Protein backbone atom coordinates (compact mmCIF):
# COMPACT_ATOMS: atom_id res chain seq x y z
CA ALA A 1 214.01 29.79 109.46
CA MET A 2 216.71 30.79 106.75
CA ARG A 3 217.19 27.83 103.92
CA ILE A 4 219.78 27.24 101.52
CA VAL A 5 219.02 25.61 97.93
CA ILE A 6 222.49 24.30 96.22
CA VAL A 7 222.48 24.35 92.48
CA GLY A 8 224.90 22.67 90.84
CA ALA A 9 225.89 23.01 87.36
CA THR A 10 228.17 21.96 84.60
CA ASP A 11 229.66 22.96 81.35
CA GLU A 12 228.15 21.83 77.79
CA ARG A 13 230.82 18.79 77.71
CA ALA A 14 229.19 15.01 78.14
CA THR A 15 225.78 13.79 77.81
CA ASP A 16 222.74 15.78 79.33
CA ALA A 17 222.17 12.74 81.76
CA TYR A 18 225.67 12.78 82.74
CA ASN A 19 225.64 16.43 83.45
CA MET A 20 222.93 16.63 85.43
CA ALA A 21 224.14 13.84 87.54
CA LEU A 22 227.34 15.87 88.06
CA GLY A 23 225.69 18.94 88.95
CA ARG A 24 223.76 16.70 91.56
CA ARG A 25 227.14 15.35 93.12
CA ARG A 26 228.47 19.29 92.99
CA SER A 27 225.53 20.36 94.55
CA GLU A 28 225.98 17.30 97.13
CA ALA A 29 229.46 17.94 97.62
CA ALA A 30 228.41 21.16 98.73
CA LYS A 31 225.78 20.38 101.38
CA ALA A 32 228.55 17.84 103.10
CA TYR A 33 231.09 20.74 103.43
CA LEU A 34 228.37 22.80 104.91
CA VAL A 35 226.82 19.76 107.38
CA ALA A 36 230.30 19.60 108.23
CA LYS A 37 230.56 23.09 109.29
CA GLY A 38 227.49 22.60 111.61
CA ILE A 39 224.81 23.67 109.38
CA ASP A 40 221.45 21.44 110.10
CA PRO A 41 221.00 19.33 107.05
CA VAL A 42 217.21 19.82 107.14
CA ARG A 43 217.89 23.12 106.21
CA ILE A 44 219.86 22.46 102.88
CA GLU A 45 217.93 21.11 99.32
CA VAL A 46 219.95 20.40 96.37
CA THR A 47 219.73 20.41 92.42
CA SER A 48 220.98 20.36 89.69
CA LEU A 49 220.99 22.48 86.15
CA GLY A 50 223.44 20.26 84.49
CA GLU A 51 224.65 22.17 81.27
CA ARG A 52 220.96 23.78 80.75
CA GLN A 53 221.68 27.60 82.08
CA PRO A 54 225.26 28.37 81.79
CA THR A 55 226.96 31.57 83.33
CA ALA A 56 229.40 32.08 80.30
CA PRO A 57 228.57 31.36 76.44
CA GLY A 58 230.94 29.85 74.36
CA VAL A 59 233.11 26.53 74.50
CA SER A 60 236.26 27.96 75.63
CA THR A 61 238.09 26.30 78.55
CA ASP A 62 237.26 30.28 80.52
CA ALA A 63 233.58 29.71 79.91
CA GLN A 64 233.93 25.88 80.92
CA GLY A 65 235.57 26.84 83.85
CA LEU A 66 232.83 29.61 84.85
CA ASN A 67 230.04 27.01 84.23
CA ARG A 68 231.44 24.32 86.47
CA ARG A 69 229.80 26.00 89.65
CA ALA A 70 227.62 25.51 92.43
CA GLU A 71 225.15 28.44 93.38
CA PHE A 72 223.75 29.34 96.54
CA ARG A 73 220.48 30.75 97.15
CA LEU A 74 219.18 31.83 100.26
CA LEU A 75 215.34 31.09 101.11
CA ILE A 76 214.63 33.16 103.95
CA ALA A 77 211.29 33.44 105.74
CA SER A 78 210.02 36.82 107.46
CA ASP A 79 206.69 38.15 108.22
CA PHE A 80 207.24 40.93 106.18
CA LEU A 81 207.53 38.91 103.01
CA VAL A 82 203.91 37.45 104.22
CA PRO A 83 200.94 39.05 102.59
CA PRO A 84 198.57 40.20 105.58
CA LYS A 85 195.57 38.11 105.77
CA PRO A 86 192.06 39.43 105.09
């Protein structure tokens, strides 16, 4: 029942539209890797933050490297997490 959301992100260089598309391509590449390793593609969602939520502040080479990333978020369905029905 576990699902994965892959969020692609970029540094601040380039336009917002380009960075959103680049983040999307980054998350799609990570999805393709997982699918090639046997994960059902139905369980994987992809999205992009572009440059909107940097991990590292600043414009240094190190900061830019940290901001170019794909984050994996696990969505786990569990009866424990569902509130009881009245």
